[in-house]
């Protein structure tokens, strides 16, 4: 079954310019790391997709295998894992997060 789950994750990552795998939702995060990550993404002003791993136990179990990243949240921009909470906040502080998201959305819109 994990092959099917990994294929689903690959589709989610490829099909969305920005997707965050988090505990809870951006409106109701269920951990501090997920909350801070969602806030940083919201502050860019751009939409992003999310997957609540607490409601998707198979994704929660298999996601660490997908990109060899053991912790949550996990943020993917333009199909690439950029990291978790600390890296996302660091990119936001350096004013690099918004341009990354902008470029990913423009790229997907152009396809």
PDB file of N, CA and C in Angstrom:
ATOM      1  N   UNK A   1       0.822  -1.202   0.000  1.00  0.00           N
ATOM      2  CA  UNK A   1       0.000   0.000   0.000  1.00  0.00           C
ATOM      3  C   UNK A   1       0.864   1.263   0.000  1.00  0.00           C
ATOM      4  N   UNK A   2       2.059   1.227   0.567  1.00  0.00           N
ATOM      5  CA  UNK A   2       2.852   2.446   0.647  1.00  0.00           C
ATOM      6  C   UNK A   2       3.205   2.990  -0.733  1.00  0.00           C
ATOM      7  N   UNK A   3       3.287   2.119  -1.762  1.00  0.00           N
ATOM      8  CA  UNK A   3       3.570   2.597  -3.120  1.00  0.00           C
ATOM      9  C   UNK A   3       2.446   3.504  -3.593  1.00  0.00           C
ATOM     10  N   UNK A   4       1.201   3.113  -3.338  1.00  0.00           N
ATOM     11  CA  UNK A   4       0.052   3.940  -3.728  1.00  0.00           C
ATOM     12  C   UNK A   4       0.073   5.270  -2.987  1.00  0.00           C
ATOM     13  N   UNK A   5       0.410   5.245  -1.726  1.00  0.00           N
ATOM     14  CA  UNK A   5       0.463   6.470  -0.924  1.00  0.00           C
ATOM     15  C   UNK A   5       1.577   7.377  -1.437  1.00  0.00           C
ATOM     16  N   UNK A   6       2.731   6.806  -1.747  1.00  0.00           N
ATOM     17  CA  UNK A   6       3.837   7.608  -2.275  1.00  0.00           C
ATOM     18  C   UNK A   6       3.474   8.224  -3.626  1.00  0.00           C
ATOM     19  N   UNK A   7       2.710   7.480  -4.450  1.00  0.00           N
ATOM     20  CA  UNK A   7       2.238   8.030  -5.729  1.00  0.00           C
ATOM     21  C   UNK A   7       1.270   9.185  -5.490  1.00  0.00           C
ATOM     22  N   UNK A   8       0.384   9.045  -4.510  1.00  0.00           N
ATOM     23  CA  UNK A   8      -0.544  10.122  -4.164  1.00  0.00           C
ATOM     24  C   UNK A   8       0.216  11.364  -3.711  1.00  0.00           C
ATOM     25  N   UNK A   9       1.215  11.176  -2.856  1.00  0.00           N
ATOM     26  CA  UNK A   9       2.031  12.306  -2.394  1.00  0.00           C
ATOM     27  C   UNK A   9       2.711  12.969  -3.591  1.00  0.00           C
ATOM     28  N   UNK A  10       3.264  12.180  -4.487  1.00  0.00           N
ATOM     29  CA  UNK A  10       3.933  12.726  -5.676  1.00  0.00           C
ATOM     30  C   UNK A  10       2.960  13.553  -6.509  1.00  0.00           C
ATOM     31  N   UNK A  11       1.726  13.078  -6.645  1.00  0.00           N
ATOM     32  CA  UNK A  11       0.704  13.830  -7.389  1.00  0.00           C
ATOM     33  C   UNK A  11       0.368  15.142  -6.684  1.00  0.00           C
ATOM     34  N   UNK A  12       0.231  15.103  -5.368  1.00  0.00           N
ATOM     35  CA  UNK A  12      -0.088  16.321  -4.612  1.00  0.00           C
ATOM     36  C   UNK A  12       1.031  17.347  -4.744  1.00  0.00           C
ATOM     37  N   UNK A  13       2.270  16.877  -4.628  1.00  0.00           N
ATOM     38  CA  UNK A  13       3.426  17.770  -4.698  1.00  0.00           C
ATOM     39  C   UNK A  13       3.557  18.369  -6.097  1.00  0.00           C
ATOM     40  N   UNK A  14       3.355  17.541  -7.136  1.00  0.00           N
ATOM     41  CA  UNK A  14       3.488  18.013  -8.513  1.00  0.00           C
ATOM     42  C   UNK A  14       2.299  18.872  -8.939  1.00  0.00           C
ATOM     43  N   UNK A  15       1.130  18.606  -8.365  1.00  0.00           N
ATOM     44  CA  UNK A  15      -0.093  19.271  -8.808  1.00  0.00           C
ATOM     45  C   UNK A  15      -0.389  20.599  -8.137  1.00  0.00           C
ATOM     46  N   UNK A  16       0.422  20.991  -7.166  1.00  0.00           N
ATOM     47  CA  UNK A  16       0.192  22.240  -6.442  1.00  0.00           C
ATOM     48  C   UNK A  16       1.479  23.050  -6.409  1.00  0.00           C
ATOM     49  N   UNK A  17       1.414  24.344  -6.727  1.00  0.00           N
ATOM     50  CA  UNK A  17       2.641  25.147  -6.656  1.00  0.00           C
ATOM     51  C   UNK A  17       3.231  25.162  -5.255  1.00  0.00           C
ATOM     52  N   UNK A  18       2.350  25.160  -4.245  1.00  0.00           N
ATOM     53  CA  UNK A  18       2.789  25.149  -2.846  1.00  0.00           C
ATOM     54  C   UNK A  18       1.869  24.204  -2.079  1.00  0.00           C
ATOM     55  N   UNK A  19       2.474  23.275  -1.372  1.00  0.00           N
ATOM     56  CA  UNK A  19       1.693  22.392  -0.506  1.00  0.00           C
ATOM     57  C   UNK A  19       2.470  22.174   0.784  1.00  0.00           C
ATOM     58  N   UNK A  20       1.739  22.244   1.880  1.00  0.00           N
ATOM     59  CA  UNK A  20       2.343  22.006   3.193  1.00  0.00           C
ATOM     60  C   UNK A  20       1.631  20.812   3.827  1.00  0.00           C
ATOM     61  N   UNK A  21       2.425  19.869   4.286  1.00  0.00           N
ATOM     62  CA  UNK A  21       1.919  18.726   5.042  1.00  0.00           C
ATOM     63  C   UNK A  21       2.083  19.111   6.498  1.00  0.00           C
ATOM     64  N   UNK A  22       0.950  19.234   7.188  1.00  0.00           N
ATOM     65  CA  UNK A  22       0.970  19.801   8.531  1.00  0.00           C
ATOM     66  C   UNK A  22       0.011  19.080   9.454  1.00  0.00           C
ATOM     67  N   UNK A  23       0.158  19.353  10.732  1.00  0.00           N
ATOM     68  CA  UNK A  23      -0.778  18.837  11.726  1.00  0.00           C
ATOM     69  C   UNK A  23      -1.884  19.867  11.879  1.00  0.00           C
ATOM     70  N   UNK A  24      -3.080  19.496  11.448  1.00  0.00           N
ATOM     71  CA  UNK A  24      -4.209  20.414  11.464  1.00  0.00           C
ATOM     72  C   UNK A  24      -4.341  21.130  10.134  1.00  0.00           C
ATOM     73  N   UNK A  25      -4.960  22.301  10.175  1.00  0.00           N
ATOM     74  CA  UNK A  25      -5.170  23.110   8.974  1.00  0.00           C
ATOM     75  C   UNK A  25      -4.595  24.505   9.220  1.00  0.00           C
ATOM     76  N   UNK A  26      -4.430  25.297   8.165  1.00  0.00           N
ATOM     77  CA  UNK A  26      -3.943  26.664   8.380  1.00  0.00           C
ATOM     78  C   UNK A  26      -4.847  27.459   9.330  1.00  0.00           C
ATOM     79  N   UNK A  27      -6.148  27.197   9.290  1.00  0.00           N
ATOM     80  CA  UNK A  27      -7.078  27.895  10.171  1.00  0.00           C
ATOM     81  C   UNK A  27      -7.044  27.344  11.597  1.00  0.00           C
ATOM     82  N   UNK A  28      -6.775  26.033  11.723  1.00  0.00           N
ATOM     83  CA  UNK A  28      -6.757  25.374  13.030  1.00  0.00           C
ATOM     84  C   UNK A  28      -5.549  24.443  13.142  1.00  0.00           C
ATOM     85  N   UNK A  29      -4.359  25.021  13.213  1.00  0.00           N
ATOM     86  CA  UNK A  29      -3.166  24.175  13.338  1.00  0.00           C
ATOM     87  C   UNK A  29      -3.165  23.447  14.674  1.00  0.00           C
ATOM     88  N   UNK A  30      -2.607  22.239  14.660  1.00  0.00           N
ATOM     89  CA  UNK A  30      -2.617  21.405  15.854  1.00  0.00           C
ATOM     90  C   UNK A  30      -1.247  21.289  16.512  1.00  0.00           C
ATOM     91  N   UNK A  31      -0.282  22.098  16.070  1.00  0.00           N
ATOM     92  CA  UNK A  31       1.006  22.168  16.758  1.00  0.00           C
ATOM     93  C   UNK A  31       1.651  23.514  16.434  1.00  0.00           C
ATOM     94  N   UNK A  32       2.546  23.935  17.280  1.00  0.00           N
ATOM     95  CA  UNK A  32       3.189  25.233  17.120  1.00  0.00           C
ATOM     96  C   UNK A  32       3.984  25.359  15.836  1.00  0.00           C
ATOM     97  N   UNK A  33       4.679  24.290  15.448  1.00  0.00           N
ATOM     98  CA  UNK A  33       5.483  24.339  14.226  1.00  0.00           C
ATOM     99  C   UNK A  33       4.592  24.510  12.998  1.00  0.00           C
ATOM    100  N   UNK A  34       3.492  23.756  12.968  1.00  0.00           N
ATOM    101  CA  UNK A  34       2.549  23.878  11.858  1.00  0.00           C
ATOM    102  C   UNK A  34       1.931  25.270  11.833  1.00  0.00           C
ATOM    103  N   UNK A  35       1.618  25.808  13.008  1.00  0.00           N
ATOM    104  CA  UNK A  35       1.025  27.138  13.111  1.00  0.00           C
ATOM    105  C   UNK A  35       1.967  28.203  12.546  1.00  0.00           C
ATOM    106  N   UNK A  36       3.228  28.179  12.969  1.00  0.00           N
ATOM    107  CA  UNK A  36       4.188  29.186  12.509  1.00  0.00           C
ATOM    108  C   UNK A  36       4.463  29.061  11.011  1.00  0.00           C
ATOM    109  N   UNK A  37       4.501  27.830  10.529  1.00  0.00           N
ATOM    110  CA  UNK A  37       4.732  27.611   9.095  1.00  0.00           C
ATOM    111  C   UNK A  37       3.560  28.151   8.278  1.00  0.00           C
ATOM    112  N   UNK A  38       2.340  27.820   8.691  1.00  0.00           N
ATOM    113  CA  UNK A  38       1.149  28.296   7.971  1.00  0.00           C
ATOM    114  C   UNK A  38       1.083  29.821   7.997  1.00  0.00           C
ATOM    115  N   UNK A  39       1.420  30.433   9.119  1.00  0.00           N
ATOM    116  CA  UNK A  39       1.403  31.901   9.206  1.00  0.00           C
ATOM    117  C   UNK A  39       2.402  32.520   8.225  1.00  0.00           C
ATOM    118  N   UNK A  40       3.594  31.944   8.138  1.00  0.00           N
ATOM    119  CA  UNK A  40       4.605  32.460   7.204  1.00  0.00           C
ATOM    120  C   UNK A  40       4.102  32.347   5.769  1.00  0.00           C
ATOM    121  N   UNK A  41       3.449  31.235   5.451  1.00  0.00           N
ATOM    122  CA  UNK A  41       2.907  31.074   4.097  1.00  0.00           C
ATOM    123  C   UNK A  41       1.761  32.049   3.846  1.00  0.00           C
ATOM    124  N   UNK A  42       0.882  32.220   4.831  1.00  0.00           N
ATOM    125  CA  UNK A  42      -0.240  33.161   4.676  1.00  0.00           C
ATOM    126  C   UNK A  42       0.255  34.584   4.465  1.00  0.00           C
ATOM    127  N   UNK A  43       1.335  34.951   5.151  1.00  0.00           N
ATOM    128  CA  UNK A  43       1.851  36.316   5.051  1.00  0.00           C
ATOM    129  C   UNK A  43       2.357  36.666   3.651  1.00  0.00           C
ATOM    130  N   UNK A  44       2.605  35.655   2.816  1.00  0.00           N
ATOM    131  CA  UNK A  44       3.031  35.946   1.440  1.00  0.00           C
ATOM    132  C   UNK A  44       1.874  36.502   0.617  1.00  0.00           C
ATOM    133  N   UNK A  45       0.646  36.240   1.063  1.00  0.00           N
ATOM    134  CA  UNK A  45      -0.525  36.710   0.330  1.00  0.00           C
ATOM    135  C   UNK A  45      -0.957  35.770  -0.785  1.00  0.00           C
ATOM    136  N   UNK A  46      -0.244  34.674  -0.954  1.00  0.00           N
ATOM    137  CA  UNK A  46      -0.575  33.727  -2.013  1.00  0.00           C
ATOM    138  C   UNK A  46      -1.267  32.502  -1.441  1.00  0.00           C
ATOM    139  N   UNK A  47      -2.147  31.898  -2.243  1.00  0.00           N
ATOM    140  CA  UNK A  47      -2.819  30.685  -1.772  1.00  0.00           C
ATOM    141  C   UNK A  47      -1.833  29.513  -1.738  1.00  0.00           C
ATOM    142  N   UNK A  48      -2.123  28.571  -0.883  1.00  0.00           N
ATOM    143  CA  UNK A  48      -1.331  27.347  -0.827  1.00  0.00           C
ATOM    144  C   UNK A  48      -2.239  26.203  -0.422  1.00  0.00           C
ATOM    145  N   UNK A  49      -1.846  25.019  -0.816  1.00  0.00           N
ATOM    146  CA  UNK A  49      -2.598  23.825  -0.459  1.00  0.00           C
ATOM    147  C   UNK A  49      -2.010  23.226   0.809  1.00  0.00           C
ATOM    148  N   UNK A  50      -2.804  22.426   1.475  1.00  0.00           N
ATOM    149  CA  UNK A  50      -2.306  21.759   2.672  1.00  0.00           C
ATOM    150  C   UNK A  50      -2.918  20.373   2.772  1.00  0.00           C
ATOM    151  N   UNK A  51      -2.234  19.514   3.474  1.00  0.00           N
ATOM    152  CA  UNK A  51      -2.743  18.191   3.803  1.00  0.00           C
ATOM    153  C   UNK A  51      -2.607  18.044   5.312  1.00  0.00           C
ATOM    154  N   UNK A  52      -3.731  17.764   5.964  1.00  0.00           N
ATOM    155  CA  UNK A  52      -3.736  17.536   7.408  1.00  0.00           C
ATOM    156  C   UNK A  52      -3.310  16.090   7.653  1.00  0.00           C
ATOM    157  N   UNK A  53      -2.071  15.908   8.059  1.00  0.00           N
ATOM    158  CA  UNK A  53      -1.550  14.548   8.230  1.00  0.00           C
ATOM    159  C   UNK A  53      -2.224  13.805   9.383  1.00  0.00           C
ATOM    160  N   UNK A  54      -2.865  14.526  10.292  1.00  0.00           N
ATOM    161  CA  UNK A  54      -3.575  13.859  11.387  1.00  0.00           C
ATOM    162  C   UNK A  54      -4.817  13.133  10.867  1.00  0.00           C
ATOM    163  N   UNK A  55      -5.365  13.623   9.747  1.00  0.00           N
ATOM    164  CA  UNK A  55      -6.526  12.978   9.131  1.00  0.00           C
ATOM    165  C   UNK A  55      -6.111  11.989   8.045  1.00  0.00           C
ATOM    166  N   UNK A  56      -4.822  11.942   7.733  1.00  0.00           N
ATOM    167  CA  UNK A  56      -4.296  11.069   6.685  1.00  0.00           C
ATOM    168  C   UNK A  56      -3.131  10.248   7.258  1.00  0.00           C
ATOM    169  N   UNK A  57      -3.424   9.262   8.118  1.00  0.00           N
ATOM    170  CA  UNK A  57      -2.352   8.521   8.784  1.00  0.00           C
ATOM    171  C   UNK A  57      -1.391   7.823   7.823  1.00  0.00           C
ATOM    172  N   UNK A  58      -1.887   7.378   6.657  1.00  0.00           N
ATOM    173  CA  UNK A  58      -0.996   6.714   5.704  1.00  0.00           C
ATOM    174  C   UNK A  58      -0.001   7.710   5.113  1.00  0.00           C
ATOM    175  N   UNK A  59      -0.461   8.937   4.863  1.00  0.00           N
ATOM    176  CA  UNK A  59       0.453   9.968   4.374  1.00  0.00           C
ATOM    177  C   UNK A  59       1.446  10.315   5.477  1.00  0.00           C
ATOM    178  N   UNK A  60       0.961  10.451   6.697  1.00  0.00           N
ATOM    179  CA  UNK A  60       1.840  10.774   7.824  1.00  0.00           C
ATOM    180  C   UNK A  60       2.938   9.718   7.976  1.00  0.00           C
ATOM    181  N   UNK A  61       2.570   8.473   7.790  1.00  0.00           N
ATOM    182  CA  UNK A  61       3.521   7.371   7.945  1.00  0.00           C
ATOM    183  C   UNK A  61       4.532   7.329   6.792  1.00  0.00           C
ATOM    184  N   UNK A  62       4.095   7.637   5.582  1.00  0.00           N
ATOM    185  CA  UNK A  62       4.943   7.459   4.403  1.00  0.00           C
ATOM    186  C   UNK A  62       5.659   8.721   3.934  1.00  0.00           C
ATOM    187  N   UNK A  63       5.196   9.896   4.324  1.00  0.00           N
ATOM    188  CA  UNK A  63       5.809  11.138   3.854  1.00  0.00           C
ATOM    189  C   UNK A  63       7.301  11.235   4.196  1.00  0.00           C
ATOM    190  N   UNK A  64       7.731  10.822   5.393  1.00  0.00           N
ATOM    191  CA  UNK A  64       9.172  10.887   5.673  1.00  0.00           C
ATOM    192  C   UNK A  64      10.022  10.089   4.674  1.00  0.00           C
ATOM    193  N   UNK A  65       9.455   9.017   4.106  1.00  0.00           N
ATOM    194  CA  UNK A  65      10.173   8.217   3.110  1.00  0.00           C
ATOM    195  C   UNK A  65      10.227   8.946   1.764  1.00  0.00           C
ATOM    196  N   UNK A  66       9.218   9.752   1.485  1.00  0.00           N
ATOM    197  CA  UNK A  66       9.096  10.404   0.179  1.00  0.00           C
ATOM    198  C   UNK A  66      10.290  11.310  -0.112  1.00  0.00           C
ATOM    199  N   UNK A  67      10.665  12.132   0.851  1.00  0.00           N
ATOM    200  CA  UNK A  67      11.768  13.083   0.619  1.00  0.00           C
ATOM    201  C   UNK A  67      12.899  12.914   1.631  1.00  0.00           C
ATOM    202  N   UNK A  68      12.858  11.801   2.356  1.00  0.00           N
ATOM    203  CA  UNK A  68      13.885  11.550   3.363  1.00  0.00           C
ATOM    204  C   UNK A  68      13.977  12.716   4.361  1.00  0.00           C
ATOM    205  N   UNK A  69      12.826  13.156   4.835  1.00  0.00           N
ATOM    206  CA  UNK A  69      12.733  14.248   5.803  1.00  0.00           C
ATOM    207  C   UNK A  69      11.830  13.759   6.921  1.00  0.00           C
ATOM    208  N   UNK A  70      12.335  13.604   8.141  1.00  0.00           N
ATOM    209  CA  UNK A  70      11.600  12.881   9.178  1.00  0.00           C
ATOM    210  C   UNK A  70      10.525  13.666   9.934  1.00  0.00           C
ATOM    211  N   UNK A  71      10.529  14.993   9.837  1.00  0.00           N
ATOM    212  CA  UNK A  71       9.644  15.775  10.705  1.00  0.00           C
ATOM    213  C   UNK A  71       8.554  16.499   9.922  1.00  0.00           C
ATOM    214  N   UNK A  72       7.595  17.018  10.670  1.00  0.00           N
ATOM    215  CA  UNK A  72       6.488  17.791  10.108  1.00  0.00           C
ATOM    216  C   UNK A  72       6.468  19.150  10.777  1.00  0.00           C
ATOM    217  N   UNK A  73       6.004  20.169  10.110  1.00  0.00           N
ATOM    218  CA  UNK A  73       5.453  20.195   8.753  1.00  0.00           C
ATOM    219  C   UNK A  73       6.541  20.046   7.692  1.00  0.00           C
ATOM    220  N   UNK A  74       6.079  19.749   6.479  1.00  0.00           N
ATOM    221  CA  UNK A  74       6.955  19.717   5.312  1.00  0.00           C
ATOM    222  C   UNK A  74       6.339  20.631   4.253  1.00  0.00           C
ATOM    223  N   UNK A  75       7.151  21.546   3.738  1.00  0.00           N
ATOM    224  CA  UNK A  75       6.687  22.509   2.739  1.00  0.00           C
ATOM    225  C   UNK A  75       7.342  22.190   1.402  1.00  0.00           C
ATOM    226  N   UNK A  76       6.501  22.063   0.382  1.00  0.00           N
ATOM    227  CA  UNK A  76       6.969  21.829  -0.979  1.00  0.00           C
ATOM    228  C   UNK A  76       6.579  23.018  -1.842  1.00  0.00           C
ATOM    229  N   UNK A  77       7.541  23.554  -2.559  1.00  0.00           N
ATOM    230  CA  UNK A  77       7.294  24.651  -3.495  1.00  0.00           C
ATOM    231  C   UNK A  77       7.838  24.216  -4.844  1.00  0.00           C
ATOM    232  N   UNK A  78       6.993  24.310  -5.861  1.00  0.00           N
ATOM    233  CA  UNK A  78       7.376  23.936  -7.225  1.00  0.00           C
ATOM    234  C   UNK A  78       7.927  22.507  -7.268  1.00  0.00           C
ATOM    235  N   UNK A  79       7.280  21.613  -6.529  1.00  0.00           N
ATOM    236  CA  UNK A  79       7.639  20.211  -6.557  1.00  0.00           C
ATOM    237  C   UNK A  79       8.850  19.824  -5.735  1.00  0.00           C
ATOM    238  N   UNK A  80       9.454  20.782  -5.053  1.00  0.00           N
ATOM    239  CA  UNK A  80      10.662  20.516  -4.285  1.00  0.00           C
ATOM    240  C   UNK A  80      10.410  20.741  -2.790  1.00  0.00           C
ATOM    241  N   UNK A  81      10.947  19.854  -1.980  1.00  0.00           N
ATOM    242  CA  UNK A  81      10.888  20.052  -0.536  1.00  0.00           C
ATOM    243  C   UNK A  81      11.813  21.211  -0.171  1.00  0.00           C
ATOM    244  N   UNK A  82      11.244  22.244   0.443  1.00  0.00           N
ATOM    245  CA  UNK A  82      12.117  23.322   0.901  1.00  0.00           C
ATOM    246  C   UNK A  82      12.493  23.121   2.365  1.00  0.00           C
ATOM    247  N   UNK A  83      11.688  22.356   3.100  1.00  0.00           N
ATOM    248  CA  UNK A  83      12.018  22.049   4.483  1.00  0.00           C
ATOM    249  C   UNK A  83      10.819  22.160   5.391  1.00  0.00           C
ATOM    250  N   UNK A  84      11.129  22.354   6.657  1.00  0.00           N
ATOM    251  CA  UNK A  84      10.094  22.445   7.677  1.00  0.00           C
ATOM    252  C   UNK A  84       9.928  23.855   8.181  1.00  0.00           C
ATOM    253  N   UNK A  85       9.537  23.967   9.427  1.00  0.00           N
ATOM    254  CA  UNK A  85       9.216  25.249  10.040  1.00  0.00           C
ATOM    255  C   UNK A  85      10.404  26.211  10.033  1.00  0.00           C
ATOM    256  N   UNK A  86      11.538  25.772  10.550  1.00  0.00           N
ATOM    257  CA  UNK A  86      12.694  26.677  10.678  1.00  0.00           C
ATOM    258  C   UNK A  86      13.139  27.235   9.337  1.00  0.00           C
ATOM    259  N   UNK A  87      13.228  26.374   8.336  1.00  0.00           N
ATOM    260  CA  UNK A  87      13.678  26.825   7.015  1.00  0.00           C
ATOM    261  C   UNK A  87      12.653  27.765   6.391  1.00  0.00           C
ATOM    262  N   UNK A  88      11.373  27.447   6.540  1.00  0.00           N
ATOM    263  CA  UNK A  88      10.318  28.307   5.994  1.00  0.00           C
ATOM    264  C   UNK A  88      10.377  29.694   6.637  1.00  0.00           C
ATOM    265  N   UNK A  89      10.533  29.732   7.967  1.00  0.00           N
ATOM    266  CA  UNK A  89      10.610  31.022   8.666  1.00  0.00           C
ATOM    267  C   UNK A  89      11.867  31.792   8.254  1.00  0.00           C
ATOM    268  N   UNK A  90      12.960  31.088   8.081  1.00  0.00           N
ATOM    269  CA  UNK A  90      14.202  31.729   7.659  1.00  0.00           C
ATOM    270  C   UNK A  90      14.049  32.343   6.260  1.00  0.00           C
ATOM    271  N   UNK A  91      13.428  31.606   5.348  1.00  0.00           N
ATOM    272  CA  UNK A  91      13.188  32.129   3.999  1.00  0.00           C
ATOM    273  C   UNK A  91      12.280  33.358   4.051  1.00  0.00           C
ATOM    274  N   UNK A  92      11.271  33.314   4.914  1.00  0.00           N
ATOM    275  CA  UNK A  92      10.357  34.457   5.049  1.00  0.00           C
ATOM    276  C   UNK A  92      11.106  35.667   5.592  1.00  0.00           C
ATOM    277  N   UNK A  93      11.945  35.475   6.594  1.00  0.00           N
ATOM    278  CA  UNK A  93      12.701  36.586   7.184  1.00  0.00           C
ATOM    279  C   UNK A  93      13.655  37.211   6.172  1.00  0.00           C
ATOM    280  N   UNK A  94      14.195  36.389   5.276  1.00  0.00           N
ATOM    281  CA  UNK A  94      15.129  36.895   4.269  1.00  0.00           C
ATOM    282  C   UNK A  94      14.399  37.391   3.018  1.00  0.00           C
ATOM    283  N   UNK A  95      13.071  37.461   3.082  1.00  0.00           N
ATOM    284  CA  UNK A  95      12.245  37.895   1.948  1.00  0.00           C
ATOM    285  C   UNK A  95      12.470  37.041   0.708  1.00  0.00           C
ATOM    286  N   UNK A  96      12.699  35.748   0.915  1.00  0.00           N
ATOM    287  CA  UNK A  96      12.892  34.822  -0.203  1.00  0.00           C
ATOM    288  C   UNK A  96      11.683  33.917  -0.424  1.00  0.00           C
ATOM    289  N   UNK A  97      10.828  33.787   0.586  1.00  0.00           N
ATOM    290  CA  UNK A  97       9.698  32.867   0.486  1.00  0.00           C
ATOM    291  C   UNK A  97       8.680  33.339  -0.549  1.00  0.00           C
ATOM    292  N   UNK A  98       8.280  34.604  -0.467  1.00  0.00           N
ATOM    293  CA  UNK A  98       7.267  35.132  -1.384  1.00  0.00           C
ATOM    294  C   UNK A  98       7.708  35.020  -2.845  1.00  0.00           C
ATOM    295  N   UNK A  99       8.945  35.414  -3.201  1.00  0.00           N
ATOM    296  CA  UNK A  99       9.356  35.259  -4.607  1.00  0.00           C
ATOM    297  C   UNK A  99       9.384  33.797  -5.069  1.00  0.00           C
ATOM    298  N   UNK A 100       9.727  32.880  -4.176  1.00  0.00           N
ATOM    299  CA  UNK A 100       9.715  31.456  -4.528  1.00  0.00           C
ATOM    300  C   UNK A 100       8.294  31.000  -4.862  1.00  0.00           C
ATOM    301  N   UNK A 101       7.343  31.424  -4.043  1.00  0.00           N
ATOM    302  CA  UNK A 101       5.944  31.043  -4.264  1.00  0.00           C
ATOM    303  C   UNK A 101       5.422  31.710  -5.530  1.00  0.00           C
ATOM    304  N   UNK A 102       5.737  32.981  -5.696  1.00  0.00           N
ATOM    305  CA  UNK A 102       5.338  33.721  -6.899  1.00  0.00           C
ATOM    306  C   UNK A 102       5.798  32.996  -8.158  1.00  0.00           C
ATOM    307  N   UNK A 103       7.055  32.593  -8.177  1.00  0.00           N
ATOM    308  CA  UNK A 103       7.624  31.907  -9.337  1.00  0.00           C
ATOM    309  C   UNK A 103       6.944  30.564  -9.574  1.00  0.00           C
ATOM    310  N   UNK A 104       6.663  29.831  -8.507  1.00  0.00           N
ATOM    311  CA  UNK A 104       6.020  28.522  -8.645  1.00  0.00           C
ATOM    312  C   UNK A 104       4.608  28.666  -9.205  1.00  0.00           C
ATOM    313  N   UNK A 105       3.872  29.673  -8.729  1.00  0.00           N
ATOM    314  CA  UNK A 105       2.510  29.892  -9.225  1.00  0.00           C
ATOM    315  C   UNK A 105       2.550  30.328 -10.690  1.00  0.00           C
ATOM    316  N   UNK A 106       3.470  31.225 -11.025  1.00  0.00           N
ATOM    317  CA  UNK A 106       3.599  31.679 -12.416  1.00  0.00           C
ATOM    318  C   UNK A 106       3.958  30.510 -13.334  1.00  0.00           C
ATOM    319  N   UNK A 107       4.834  29.654 -12.885  1.00  0.00           N
ATOM    320  CA  UNK A 107       5.251  28.501 -13.695  1.00  0.00           C
ATOM    321  C   UNK A 107       4.084  27.563 -13.948  1.00  0.00           C
ATOM    322  N   UNK A 108       3.295  27.296 -12.910  1.00  0.00           N
ATOM    323  CA  UNK A 108       2.164  26.386 -13.082  1.00  0.00           C
ATOM    324  C   UNK A 108       1.079  27.029 -13.947  1.00  0.00           C
ATOM    325  N   UNK A 109       0.879  28.339 -13.815  1.00  0.00           N
ATOM    326  CA  UNK A 109      -0.118  29.049 -14.611  1.00  0.00           C
ATOM    327  C   UNK A 109       0.260  29.037 -16.087  1.00  0.00           C
ATOM    328  N   UNK A 110       1.557  29.099 -16.384  1.00  0.00           N
ATOM    329  CA  UNK A 110       2.044  29.147 -17.752  1.00  0.00           C
ATOM    330  C   UNK A 110       1.939  27.790 -18.454  1.00  0.00           C
ATOM    331  N   UNK A 111       1.802  26.718 -17.692  1.00  0.00           N
ATOM    332  CA  UNK A 111       1.773  25.379 -18.306  1.00  0.00           C
ATOM    333  C   UNK A 111       0.463  25.082 -18.975  1.00  0.00           C
TER     334      UNK A 111
END
